[in-house]
Amino acid sequence: MSFVNYKTKEINCKIVYYGPGLGGKTTNIQYVYKKSAGENKGEMVSLNSENERTIFFDFLPLDLGEIRGFRTRFHLYTVPGQVFYESSRKLILRGVDGVVFVADSQLERMEANIESLKSLQSNLAEQGYDIEKIPLVFQWNKRDLPNVSSVEDMSLTLNQYQRPEFEGVATKGDGVFTTLKSITKLVLMNLKGGL
C-alpha cells in the first residue's frame, strides 16, 4: 500500500497497468509521460526484451496535489503482458494501491484478456489483496481498429466487478487521461478513508 514519508510530508502511491501483451499498457504511460508538465514528472525507466516491449516496468512519478498537508505522488508501472513473465508481474504488484486493466479490444484477443484478468486476480490474492476491494478501472483499448468486440461484450466478459470502464486509443491519447484520472481519484478516496 501507499508509502507515507512524514519527514518530507509525502505520500507515494503505486498504480499498476495490467493486461495482455501488446494491449497498450506501455503506450498509455508513454502518452502520459509525453503530455505531462516537466516539473511534475520524474524519469521514465523502460526495460525491453526481444519478445515484449516491457519486460519489467515503466516508472513515472506524478505530483497531483495534497492530502491533509501531505503531497501525493503517483508512480505508474506496467507489467509484462506475456505469461512467461509471471514472476515479474507478481513482483510489480507488490505494494500496489490501484490497478488499470488495459484490455485489447480486438476480437481475437479476448482469450488473452480473460487469461490476463485471471492472472491479475490470482496474483493480487497471493499478495493479500482482494480484487473486489482494490481500486480498479478498465480501459477497452484499440477501439479504432475494425475487428473489435462491442463495449457491451467487453464489459460483460471482463468487468464482472462493475468498476469504471473507458474506451481508449492509447496511440492517439484517447481515453488515456480519463482512465488515469479515474484510478487516481479512486486511490485518493481509498487513501483518505485510511488516514
N, C-alpha and C. Protein backbone atom coordinates (compact mmCIF):
# COMPACT_ATOMS: atom_id res chain seq x y z
N MET A 1 0.83 -1.18 0.00
CA MET A 1 0.00 0.00 0.00
C MET A 1 0.88 1.24 0.00
N SER A 2 0.26 2.41 0.00
CA SER A 2 0.99 3.65 -0.16
C SER A 2 2.04 3.84 0.94
N PHE A 3 3.11 4.49 0.57
CA PHE A 3 4.22 4.76 1.48
C PHE A 3 4.13 6.21 1.92
N VAL A 4 4.07 6.45 3.24
CA VAL A 4 3.98 7.80 3.77
C VAL A 4 5.33 8.16 4.37
N ASN A 5 5.91 9.26 3.87
CA ASN A 5 7.18 9.78 4.39
C ASN A 5 6.85 11.03 5.20
N TYR A 6 6.87 10.88 6.53
CA TYR A 6 6.49 12.00 7.40
C TYR A 6 7.54 13.11 7.38
N LYS A 7 8.77 12.77 7.15
CA LYS A 7 9.84 13.77 7.12
C LYS A 7 9.66 14.72 5.94
N THR A 8 9.37 14.17 4.76
CA THR A 8 9.20 15.02 3.57
C THR A 8 7.74 15.41 3.34
N LYS A 9 6.84 14.87 4.22
CA LYS A 9 5.40 15.12 4.10
C LYS A 9 4.90 14.72 2.70
N GLU A 10 5.18 13.48 2.35
CA GLU A 10 4.86 12.97 1.02
C GLU A 10 4.21 11.60 1.12
N ILE A 11 3.16 11.39 0.33
CA ILE A 11 2.50 10.09 0.21
C ILE A 11 2.77 9.58 -1.21
N ASN A 12 3.34 8.40 -1.29
CA ASN A 12 3.65 7.80 -2.59
C ASN A 12 2.69 6.65 -2.86
N CYS A 13 1.99 6.73 -3.98
CA CYS A 13 1.00 5.72 -4.36
C CYS A 13 1.46 5.02 -5.64
N LYS A 14 1.17 3.73 -5.70
CA LYS A 14 1.61 2.91 -6.82
C LYS A 14 0.40 2.44 -7.62
N ILE A 15 0.40 2.78 -8.91
CA ILE A 15 -0.65 2.34 -9.83
C ILE A 15 0.00 1.43 -10.87
N VAL A 16 -0.60 0.26 -11.05
CA VAL A 16 -0.05 -0.72 -12.00
C VAL A 16 -1.02 -0.88 -13.16
N TYR A 17 -0.49 -0.75 -14.38
CA TYR A 17 -1.23 -1.03 -15.61
C TYR A 17 -1.01 -2.49 -15.94
N TYR A 18 -2.11 -3.25 -15.98
CA TYR A 18 -2.06 -4.70 -16.14
C TYR A 18 -2.89 -5.09 -17.35
N GLY A 19 -2.51 -6.13 -18.04
CA GLY A 19 -3.28 -6.59 -19.20
C GLY A 19 -2.45 -7.49 -20.08
N PRO A 20 -3.03 -7.97 -21.19
CA PRO A 20 -2.32 -8.88 -22.09
C PRO A 20 -1.18 -8.18 -22.82
N GLY A 21 -0.25 -8.99 -23.32
CA GLY A 21 0.88 -8.47 -24.08
C GLY A 21 0.45 -7.63 -25.27
N LEU A 22 1.13 -6.52 -25.46
CA LEU A 22 0.91 -5.61 -26.58
C LEU A 22 -0.51 -5.05 -26.64
N GLY A 23 -1.14 -4.95 -25.46
CA GLY A 23 -2.50 -4.41 -25.38
C GLY A 23 -2.58 -2.91 -25.26
N GLY A 24 -1.46 -2.26 -24.92
CA GLY A 24 -1.44 -0.81 -24.83
C GLY A 24 -1.05 -0.24 -23.47
N LYS A 25 -0.55 -1.08 -22.57
CA LYS A 25 -0.17 -0.61 -21.24
C LYS A 25 0.97 0.41 -21.32
N THR A 26 2.03 0.04 -21.98
CA THR A 26 3.18 0.93 -22.12
C THR A 26 2.82 2.17 -22.92
N THR A 27 2.01 2.02 -23.94
CA THR A 27 1.59 3.17 -24.76
C THR A 27 0.83 4.19 -23.92
N ASN A 28 -0.01 3.73 -22.99
CA ASN A 28 -0.70 4.63 -22.07
C ASN A 28 0.29 5.47 -21.28
N ILE A 29 1.25 4.80 -20.65
CA ILE A 29 2.21 5.51 -19.80
C ILE A 29 3.10 6.42 -20.63
N GLN A 30 3.51 5.99 -21.81
CA GLN A 30 4.33 6.85 -22.67
C GLN A 30 3.57 8.11 -23.05
N TYR A 31 2.26 7.99 -23.32
CA TYR A 31 1.46 9.16 -23.67
C TYR A 31 1.35 10.12 -22.48
N VAL A 32 1.12 9.58 -21.29
CA VAL A 32 1.05 10.41 -20.08
C VAL A 32 2.38 11.12 -19.89
N TYR A 33 3.47 10.40 -20.06
CA TYR A 33 4.81 10.98 -19.88
C TYR A 33 5.05 12.12 -20.86
N LYS A 34 4.69 11.88 -22.10
CA LYS A 34 4.91 12.87 -23.15
C LYS A 34 4.10 14.15 -22.91
N LYS A 35 2.88 14.01 -22.39
CA LYS A 35 1.98 15.15 -22.23
C LYS A 35 2.04 15.82 -20.86
N SER A 36 2.78 15.23 -19.90
CA SER A 36 2.85 15.80 -18.55
C SER A 36 3.83 16.96 -18.49
N ALA A 37 3.50 17.91 -17.61
CA ALA A 37 4.37 19.07 -17.41
C ALA A 37 5.72 18.63 -16.84
N GLY A 38 6.77 19.33 -17.22
CA GLY A 38 8.15 18.96 -16.88
C GLY A 38 8.43 18.74 -15.42
N GLU A 39 8.04 19.69 -14.54
CA GLU A 39 8.39 19.55 -13.13
C GLU A 39 7.51 18.55 -12.39
N ASN A 40 6.41 18.12 -12.99
CA ASN A 40 5.51 17.18 -12.32
C ASN A 40 5.84 15.73 -12.60
N LYS A 41 6.83 15.47 -13.42
CA LYS A 41 7.12 14.08 -13.75
C LYS A 41 8.57 13.74 -13.46
N GLY A 42 8.78 12.50 -13.13
CA GLY A 42 10.13 12.00 -12.91
C GLY A 42 10.64 11.34 -14.16
N GLU A 43 11.69 10.59 -13.99
CA GLU A 43 12.30 9.91 -15.13
C GLU A 43 11.52 8.63 -15.47
N MET A 44 11.40 8.35 -16.75
CA MET A 44 10.77 7.10 -17.17
C MET A 44 11.86 6.06 -17.41
N VAL A 45 11.67 4.91 -16.80
CA VAL A 45 12.61 3.82 -16.94
C VAL A 45 11.91 2.69 -17.67
N SER A 46 12.49 2.20 -18.74
CA SER A 46 11.88 1.12 -19.51
C SER A 46 12.92 0.08 -19.83
N LEU A 47 12.60 -1.17 -19.52
CA LEU A 47 13.49 -2.29 -19.83
C LEU A 47 12.83 -3.12 -20.91
N ASN A 48 13.53 -3.34 -22.00
CA ASN A 48 12.96 -4.05 -23.14
C ASN A 48 13.62 -5.41 -23.34
N SER A 49 12.87 -6.32 -23.94
CA SER A 49 13.40 -7.63 -24.31
C SER A 49 13.07 -7.86 -25.79
N GLU A 50 13.54 -8.96 -26.32
CA GLU A 50 13.26 -9.27 -27.72
C GLU A 50 11.78 -9.55 -27.96
N ASN A 51 11.13 -10.21 -27.00
CA ASN A 51 9.76 -10.69 -27.20
C ASN A 51 8.68 -9.74 -26.72
N GLU A 52 9.00 -8.78 -25.90
CA GLU A 52 7.99 -7.94 -25.27
C GLU A 52 8.57 -6.54 -25.13
N ARG A 53 7.76 -5.55 -25.39
CA ARG A 53 8.23 -4.18 -25.27
C ARG A 53 8.70 -3.87 -23.86
N THR A 54 7.98 -4.35 -22.87
CA THR A 54 8.33 -4.04 -21.48
C THR A 54 8.49 -5.33 -20.70
N ILE A 55 9.71 -5.59 -20.26
CA ILE A 55 9.93 -6.83 -19.51
C ILE A 55 9.76 -6.59 -18.02
N PHE A 56 10.04 -5.41 -17.52
CA PHE A 56 9.95 -5.20 -16.09
C PHE A 56 8.98 -4.10 -15.73
N PHE A 57 9.32 -2.85 -15.94
CA PHE A 57 8.36 -1.80 -15.64
C PHE A 57 8.72 -0.49 -16.31
N ASP A 58 7.74 0.34 -16.43
CA ASP A 58 7.93 1.74 -16.76
C ASP A 58 7.60 2.49 -15.48
N PHE A 59 8.30 3.57 -15.23
CA PHE A 59 8.17 4.24 -13.94
C PHE A 59 7.98 5.73 -14.19
N LEU A 60 6.97 6.29 -13.58
CA LEU A 60 6.68 7.70 -13.79
C LEU A 60 6.00 8.28 -12.56
N PRO A 61 6.75 9.04 -11.72
CA PRO A 61 6.07 9.68 -10.60
C PRO A 61 5.36 10.95 -11.06
N LEU A 62 4.12 11.09 -10.65
CA LEU A 62 3.34 12.29 -10.94
C LEU A 62 2.97 12.96 -9.63
N ASP A 63 3.09 14.25 -9.56
CA ASP A 63 2.74 15.01 -8.38
C ASP A 63 1.35 15.61 -8.60
N LEU A 64 0.36 15.17 -7.80
CA LEU A 64 -1.02 15.57 -8.05
C LEU A 64 -1.72 16.23 -6.87
N GLY A 65 -1.02 17.01 -6.08
CA GLY A 65 -1.70 17.76 -5.02
C GLY A 65 -1.43 17.22 -3.63
N GLU A 66 -2.23 17.71 -2.66
CA GLU A 66 -2.01 17.40 -1.26
C GLU A 66 -3.23 16.77 -0.59
N ILE A 67 -2.96 15.95 0.42
CA ILE A 67 -3.99 15.41 1.31
C ILE A 67 -3.54 15.71 2.72
N ARG A 68 -4.31 16.54 3.43
CA ARG A 68 -4.01 16.89 4.82
C ARG A 68 -2.57 17.34 5.00
N GLY A 69 -2.10 18.18 4.07
CA GLY A 69 -0.75 18.72 4.16
C GLY A 69 0.34 17.83 3.60
N PHE A 70 -0.03 16.66 3.12
CA PHE A 70 0.95 15.75 2.52
C PHE A 70 0.83 15.81 1.00
N ARG A 71 1.95 15.93 0.33
CA ARG A 71 1.98 15.91 -1.13
C ARG A 71 1.78 14.48 -1.60
N THR A 72 0.98 14.29 -2.64
CA THR A 72 0.78 12.94 -3.18
C THR A 72 1.54 12.78 -4.49
N ARG A 73 2.16 11.64 -4.62
CA ARG A 73 2.88 11.31 -5.85
C ARG A 73 2.41 9.94 -6.31
N PHE A 74 2.16 9.83 -7.60
CA PHE A 74 1.74 8.57 -8.18
C PHE A 74 2.86 7.99 -9.01
N HIS A 75 3.14 6.74 -8.77
CA HIS A 75 4.16 6.02 -9.52
C HIS A 75 3.43 5.03 -10.41
N LEU A 76 3.61 5.19 -11.72
CA LEU A 76 2.91 4.35 -12.69
C LEU A 76 3.84 3.26 -13.19
N TYR A 77 3.35 2.02 -13.16
CA TYR A 77 4.12 0.87 -13.59
C TYR A 77 3.30 0.07 -14.61
N THR A 78 3.99 -0.62 -15.48
CA THR A 78 3.33 -1.62 -16.32
C THR A 78 3.93 -2.97 -15.98
N VAL A 79 3.13 -3.99 -16.22
CA VAL A 79 3.65 -5.35 -16.07
C VAL A 79 3.86 -5.93 -17.46
N PRO A 80 4.77 -6.89 -17.58
CA PRO A 80 4.89 -7.56 -18.87
C PRO A 80 3.63 -8.36 -19.15
N GLY A 81 3.16 -8.33 -20.37
CA GLY A 81 1.91 -9.00 -20.71
C GLY A 81 2.04 -10.49 -20.93
N GLN A 82 3.20 -10.93 -21.34
CA GLN A 82 3.33 -12.34 -21.69
C GLN A 82 3.40 -13.23 -20.46
N VAL A 83 2.76 -14.38 -20.53
CA VAL A 83 2.58 -15.28 -19.40
C VAL A 83 3.90 -15.73 -18.79
N PHE A 84 4.95 -15.92 -19.60
CA PHE A 84 6.18 -16.45 -19.03
C PHE A 84 6.93 -15.43 -18.17
N TYR A 85 6.40 -14.22 -18.01
CA TYR A 85 6.97 -13.23 -17.10
C TYR A 85 6.14 -13.13 -15.81
N GLU A 86 5.46 -14.21 -15.44
CA GLU A 86 4.56 -14.21 -14.29
C GLU A 86 5.24 -13.75 -13.00
N SER A 87 6.47 -14.16 -12.77
CA SER A 87 7.16 -13.76 -11.54
C SER A 87 7.39 -12.25 -11.51
N SER A 88 7.65 -11.64 -12.67
CA SER A 88 7.80 -10.18 -12.74
C SER A 88 6.47 -9.49 -12.44
N ARG A 89 5.37 -10.04 -12.95
CA ARG A 89 4.05 -9.47 -12.67
C ARG A 89 3.80 -9.43 -11.16
N LYS A 90 4.09 -10.55 -10.50
CA LYS A 90 3.86 -10.64 -9.05
C LYS A 90 4.71 -9.61 -8.31
N LEU A 91 5.95 -9.49 -8.70
CA LEU A 91 6.86 -8.54 -8.06
C LEU A 91 6.36 -7.10 -8.22
N ILE A 92 5.92 -6.75 -9.41
CA ILE A 92 5.47 -5.39 -9.67
C ILE A 92 4.18 -5.08 -8.93
N LEU A 93 3.33 -6.07 -8.68
CA LEU A 93 2.09 -5.85 -7.94
C LEU A 93 2.31 -5.64 -6.45
N ARG A 94 3.47 -5.96 -5.95
CA ARG A 94 3.74 -5.81 -4.52
C ARG A 94 3.60 -4.33 -4.12
N GLY A 95 2.76 -4.06 -3.12
CA GLY A 95 2.57 -2.70 -2.64
C GLY A 95 1.67 -1.84 -3.51
N VAL A 96 0.86 -2.44 -4.37
CA VAL A 96 0.01 -1.70 -5.31
C VAL A 96 -1.13 -0.99 -4.57
N ASP A 97 -1.47 0.21 -5.03
CA ASP A 97 -2.60 0.97 -4.48
C ASP A 97 -3.79 0.97 -5.42
N GLY A 98 -3.56 0.78 -6.71
CA GLY A 98 -4.63 0.77 -7.69
C GLY A 98 -4.17 0.12 -8.98
N VAL A 99 -5.16 -0.42 -9.74
CA VAL A 99 -4.84 -1.14 -10.98
C VAL A 99 -5.69 -0.61 -12.12
N VAL A 100 -5.04 -0.40 -13.27
CA VAL A 100 -5.72 -0.13 -14.53
C VAL A 100 -5.57 -1.39 -15.37
N PHE A 101 -6.70 -2.03 -15.69
CA PHE A 101 -6.64 -3.20 -16.56
C PHE A 101 -6.87 -2.72 -17.98
N VAL A 102 -5.83 -2.82 -18.81
CA VAL A 102 -5.90 -2.40 -20.21
C VAL A 102 -6.18 -3.63 -21.06
N ALA A 103 -7.40 -3.69 -21.58
CA ALA A 103 -7.82 -4.84 -22.40
C ALA A 103 -7.69 -4.49 -23.88
N ASP A 104 -7.24 -5.44 -24.66
CA ASP A 104 -7.14 -5.29 -26.11
C ASP A 104 -8.52 -5.60 -26.70
N SER A 105 -9.12 -4.62 -27.37
CA SER A 105 -10.49 -4.76 -27.87
C SER A 105 -10.65 -5.69 -29.07
N GLN A 106 -9.56 -6.11 -29.70
CA GLN A 106 -9.67 -6.95 -30.88
C GLN A 106 -10.33 -8.29 -30.52
N LEU A 107 -11.24 -8.72 -31.38
CA LEU A 107 -11.99 -9.97 -31.15
C LEU A 107 -11.07 -11.14 -30.83
N GLU A 108 -10.00 -11.27 -31.60
CA GLU A 108 -9.10 -12.42 -31.43
C GLU A 108 -8.25 -12.34 -30.17
N ARG A 109 -8.32 -11.24 -29.42
CA ARG A 109 -7.53 -11.08 -28.20
C ARG A 109 -8.35 -11.29 -26.92
N MET A 110 -9.63 -11.65 -27.06
CA MET A 110 -10.48 -11.79 -25.88
C MET A 110 -9.96 -12.87 -24.93
N GLU A 111 -9.51 -14.01 -25.47
CA GLU A 111 -8.98 -15.07 -24.60
C GLU A 111 -7.76 -14.59 -23.83
N ALA A 112 -6.90 -13.81 -24.49
CA ALA A 112 -5.73 -13.25 -23.80
C ALA A 112 -6.15 -12.29 -22.70
N ASN A 113 -7.20 -11.51 -22.95
CA ASN A 113 -7.73 -10.60 -21.92
C ASN A 113 -8.22 -11.39 -20.71
N ILE A 114 -9.00 -12.45 -20.98
CA ILE A 114 -9.56 -13.27 -19.90
C ILE A 114 -8.44 -13.92 -19.09
N GLU A 115 -7.45 -14.46 -19.78
CA GLU A 115 -6.32 -15.10 -19.11
C GLU A 115 -5.56 -14.09 -18.24
N SER A 116 -5.37 -12.88 -18.76
CA SER A 116 -4.65 -11.85 -18.03
C SER A 116 -5.44 -11.39 -16.79
N LEU A 117 -6.75 -11.28 -16.92
CA LEU A 117 -7.58 -10.89 -15.78
C LEU A 117 -7.55 -11.95 -14.69
N LYS A 118 -7.58 -13.22 -15.08
CA LYS A 118 -7.47 -14.32 -14.10
C LYS A 118 -6.11 -14.26 -13.40
N SER A 119 -5.08 -13.97 -14.17
CA SER A 119 -3.74 -13.83 -13.61
C SER A 119 -3.69 -12.68 -12.60
N LEU A 120 -4.32 -11.56 -12.94
CA LEU A 120 -4.37 -10.42 -12.02
C LEU A 120 -5.04 -10.81 -10.72
N GLN A 121 -6.18 -11.47 -10.83
CA GLN A 121 -6.93 -11.86 -9.64
C GLN A 121 -6.10 -12.78 -8.74
N SER A 122 -5.48 -13.79 -9.33
CA SER A 122 -4.70 -14.73 -8.52
C SER A 122 -3.43 -14.08 -7.96
N ASN A 123 -2.78 -13.23 -8.75
CA ASN A 123 -1.56 -12.56 -8.27
C ASN A 123 -1.87 -11.57 -7.14
N LEU A 124 -3.01 -10.88 -7.24
CA LEU A 124 -3.41 -9.98 -6.16
C LEU A 124 -3.70 -10.79 -4.89
N ALA A 125 -4.44 -11.89 -5.04
CA ALA A 125 -4.78 -12.73 -3.89
C ALA A 125 -3.52 -13.27 -3.22
N GLU A 126 -2.54 -13.65 -4.03
CA GLU A 126 -1.28 -14.16 -3.50
C GLU A 126 -0.55 -13.11 -2.66
N GLN A 127 -0.77 -11.83 -3.00
CA GLN A 127 -0.15 -10.71 -2.27
C GLN A 127 -1.02 -10.24 -1.10
N GLY A 128 -2.20 -10.87 -0.94
CA GLY A 128 -3.07 -10.50 0.16
C GLY A 128 -4.11 -9.44 -0.18
N TYR A 129 -4.31 -9.17 -1.47
CA TYR A 129 -5.30 -8.18 -1.91
C TYR A 129 -6.55 -8.87 -2.44
N ASP A 130 -7.67 -8.24 -2.23
CA ASP A 130 -8.94 -8.72 -2.77
C ASP A 130 -9.28 -7.86 -3.99
N ILE A 131 -9.39 -8.46 -5.16
CA ILE A 131 -9.66 -7.70 -6.38
C ILE A 131 -10.97 -6.94 -6.28
N GLU A 132 -11.88 -7.40 -5.44
CA GLU A 132 -13.16 -6.71 -5.30
C GLU A 132 -13.07 -5.48 -4.41
N LYS A 133 -11.95 -5.31 -3.71
CA LYS A 133 -11.79 -4.17 -2.81
C LYS A 133 -10.73 -3.17 -3.26
N ILE A 134 -9.81 -3.59 -4.09
CA ILE A 134 -8.73 -2.69 -4.52
C ILE A 134 -9.26 -1.73 -5.59
N PRO A 135 -8.80 -0.47 -5.59
CA PRO A 135 -9.19 0.43 -6.67
C PRO A 135 -8.79 -0.15 -8.03
N LEU A 136 -9.77 -0.25 -8.94
CA LEU A 136 -9.57 -0.90 -10.23
C LEU A 136 -10.44 -0.22 -11.27
N VAL A 137 -9.85 0.09 -12.42
CA VAL A 137 -10.62 0.59 -13.56
C VAL A 137 -10.21 -0.20 -14.80
N PHE A 138 -11.10 -0.20 -15.78
CA PHE A 138 -10.84 -0.92 -17.03
C PHE A 138 -10.75 0.06 -18.19
N GLN A 139 -9.84 -0.21 -19.11
CA GLN A 139 -9.75 0.55 -20.35
C GLN A 139 -9.86 -0.43 -21.51
N TRP A 140 -10.87 -0.19 -22.37
CA TRP A 140 -11.02 -1.00 -23.58
C TRP A 140 -10.21 -0.31 -24.66
N ASN A 141 -8.99 -0.75 -24.87
CA ASN A 141 -8.06 -0.08 -25.77
C ASN A 141 -8.20 -0.59 -27.21
N LYS A 142 -7.63 0.16 -28.12
CA LYS A 142 -7.60 -0.16 -29.56
C LYS A 142 -8.99 -0.09 -30.19
N ARG A 143 -9.81 0.84 -29.74
CA ARG A 143 -11.18 0.97 -30.24
C ARG A 143 -11.22 1.47 -31.69
N ASP A 144 -10.10 1.92 -32.22
CA ASP A 144 -10.05 2.43 -33.59
C ASP A 144 -9.88 1.33 -34.64
N LEU A 145 -9.66 0.10 -34.21
CA LEU A 145 -9.44 -0.98 -35.15
C LEU A 145 -10.78 -1.54 -35.65
N PRO A 146 -10.80 -2.14 -36.84
CA PRO A 146 -12.07 -2.59 -37.42
C PRO A 146 -12.66 -3.85 -36.79
N ASN A 147 -11.85 -4.71 -36.22
CA ASN A 147 -12.31 -6.01 -35.73
C ASN A 147 -12.38 -6.05 -34.20
N VAL A 148 -13.18 -5.16 -33.61
CA VAL A 148 -13.23 -5.09 -32.15
C VAL A 148 -14.53 -5.64 -31.58
N SER A 149 -14.45 -6.14 -30.37
CA SER A 149 -15.64 -6.56 -29.63
C SER A 149 -16.44 -5.33 -29.25
N SER A 150 -17.73 -5.48 -29.10
CA SER A 150 -18.53 -4.34 -28.67
C SER A 150 -18.18 -4.00 -27.23
N VAL A 151 -18.41 -2.76 -26.85
CA VAL A 151 -18.16 -2.33 -25.48
C VAL A 151 -19.00 -3.18 -24.52
N GLU A 152 -20.23 -3.49 -24.92
CA GLU A 152 -21.11 -4.30 -24.08
C GLU A 152 -20.51 -5.69 -23.84
N ASP A 153 -19.98 -6.32 -24.89
CA ASP A 153 -19.36 -7.64 -24.74
C ASP A 153 -18.10 -7.57 -23.87
N MET A 154 -17.30 -6.51 -24.06
CA MET A 154 -16.09 -6.33 -23.24
C MET A 154 -16.49 -6.23 -21.77
N SER A 155 -17.48 -5.41 -21.51
CA SER A 155 -17.94 -5.19 -20.15
C SER A 155 -18.50 -6.46 -19.53
N LEU A 156 -19.34 -7.15 -20.26
CA LEU A 156 -19.98 -8.36 -19.76
C LEU A 156 -18.95 -9.46 -19.50
N THR A 157 -17.98 -9.59 -20.37
CA THR A 157 -16.98 -10.65 -20.27
C THR A 157 -15.91 -10.36 -19.21
N LEU A 158 -15.49 -9.09 -19.10
CA LEU A 158 -14.34 -8.78 -18.26
C LEU A 158 -14.65 -8.00 -16.98
N ASN A 159 -15.69 -7.19 -16.99
CA ASN A 159 -15.92 -6.30 -15.86
C ASN A 159 -17.03 -6.81 -14.94
N GLN A 160 -16.88 -8.04 -14.44
CA GLN A 160 -17.86 -8.56 -13.51
C GLN A 160 -17.84 -7.81 -12.18
N TYR A 161 -16.81 -6.98 -11.96
CA TYR A 161 -16.69 -6.20 -10.73
C TYR A 161 -17.45 -4.87 -10.82
N GLN A 162 -17.97 -4.57 -12.00
CA GLN A 162 -18.72 -3.35 -12.26
C GLN A 162 -17.95 -2.11 -11.83
N ARG A 163 -16.72 -2.03 -12.28
CA ARG A 163 -15.85 -0.90 -11.99
C ARG A 163 -15.91 0.08 -13.15
N PRO A 164 -15.40 1.30 -12.95
CA PRO A 164 -15.40 2.27 -14.06
C PRO A 164 -14.67 1.69 -15.27
N GLU A 165 -15.19 1.99 -16.45
CA GLU A 165 -14.56 1.50 -17.68
C GLU A 165 -14.58 2.60 -18.73
N PHE A 166 -13.54 2.60 -19.55
CA PHE A 166 -13.36 3.66 -20.53
C PHE A 166 -12.89 3.09 -21.85
N GLU A 167 -13.35 3.69 -22.93
CA GLU A 167 -12.83 3.32 -24.25
C GLU A 167 -11.53 4.08 -24.46
N GLY A 168 -10.63 3.48 -25.22
CA GLY A 168 -9.35 4.12 -25.45
C GLY A 168 -8.72 3.79 -26.78
N VAL A 169 -7.91 4.72 -27.23
CA VAL A 169 -6.99 4.52 -28.35
C VAL A 169 -5.69 5.15 -27.85
N ALA A 170 -4.91 4.37 -27.12
CA ALA A 170 -3.74 4.90 -26.43
C ALA A 170 -2.73 5.54 -27.39
N THR A 171 -2.62 5.04 -28.61
CA THR A 171 -1.67 5.62 -29.57
C THR A 171 -2.02 7.06 -29.92
N LYS A 172 -3.30 7.41 -29.80
CA LYS A 172 -3.75 8.79 -30.08
C LYS A 172 -4.02 9.57 -28.80
N GLY A 173 -3.95 8.89 -27.66
CA GLY A 173 -4.22 9.53 -26.38
C GLY A 173 -5.69 9.50 -25.97
N ASP A 174 -6.54 8.92 -26.81
CA ASP A 174 -7.97 8.87 -26.48
C ASP A 174 -8.20 8.00 -25.24
N GLY A 175 -8.82 8.57 -24.24
CA GLY A 175 -9.15 7.84 -23.02
C GLY A 175 -8.01 7.66 -22.04
N VAL A 176 -6.81 8.07 -22.40
CA VAL A 176 -5.65 7.85 -21.54
C VAL A 176 -5.76 8.64 -20.24
N PHE A 177 -5.99 9.94 -20.34
CA PHE A 177 -6.06 10.75 -19.13
C PHE A 177 -7.37 10.55 -18.38
N THR A 178 -8.44 10.22 -19.09
CA THR A 178 -9.71 9.92 -18.41
C THR A 178 -9.54 8.69 -17.52
N THR A 179 -8.88 7.68 -18.05
CA THR A 179 -8.61 6.46 -17.28
C THR A 179 -7.71 6.77 -16.08
N LEU A 180 -6.64 7.51 -16.31
CA LEU A 180 -5.71 7.86 -15.23
C LEU A 180 -6.40 8.69 -14.15
N LYS A 181 -7.20 9.65 -14.57
CA LYS A 181 -7.92 10.50 -13.61
C LYS A 181 -8.85 9.64 -12.74
N SER A 182 -9.53 8.69 -13.33
CA SER A 182 -10.44 7.82 -12.59
C SER A 182 -9.71 6.98 -11.56
N ILE A 183 -8.60 6.34 -11.94
CA ILE A 183 -7.89 5.49 -10.98
C ILE A 183 -7.25 6.32 -9.88
N THR A 184 -6.71 7.49 -10.20
CA THR A 184 -6.11 8.32 -9.15
C THR A 184 -7.17 8.80 -8.17
N LYS A 185 -8.35 9.12 -8.67
CA LYS A 185 -9.45 9.54 -7.80
C LYS A 185 -9.84 8.40 -6.85
N LEU A 186 -9.96 7.17 -7.38
CA LEU A 186 -10.30 6.02 -6.54
C LEU A 186 -9.22 5.75 -5.49
N VAL A 187 -7.96 5.85 -5.89
CA VAL A 187 -6.85 5.63 -4.95
C VAL A 187 -6.88 6.69 -3.85
N LEU A 188 -7.08 7.96 -4.23
CA LEU A 188 -7.13 9.04 -3.24
C LEU A 188 -8.30 8.87 -2.28
N MET A 189 -9.46 8.47 -2.80
CA MET A 189 -10.63 8.24 -1.94
C MET A 189 -10.33 7.10 -0.95
N ASN A 190 -9.69 6.05 -1.44
CA ASN A 190 -9.32 4.92 -0.60
C ASN A 190 -8.31 5.35 0.47
N LEU A 191 -7.36 6.19 0.05
CA LEU A 191 -6.32 6.69 0.95
C LEU A 191 -6.91 7.60 2.02
N LYS A 192 -7.80 8.48 1.64
CA LYS A 192 -8.44 9.41 2.60
C LYS A 192 -9.23 8.64 3.65
N GLY A 193 -9.84 7.53 3.22
CA GLY A 193 -10.58 6.70 4.16
C GLY A 193 -9.68 6.04 5.19
N GLY A 194 -8.40 5.86 4.85
CA GLY A 194 -7.46 5.21 5.74
C GLY A 194 -6.64 6.15 6.59
N LEU A 195 -6.70 7.45 6.29
CA LEU A 195 -5.92 8.43 7.07
C LEU A 195 -6.65 8.92 8.28
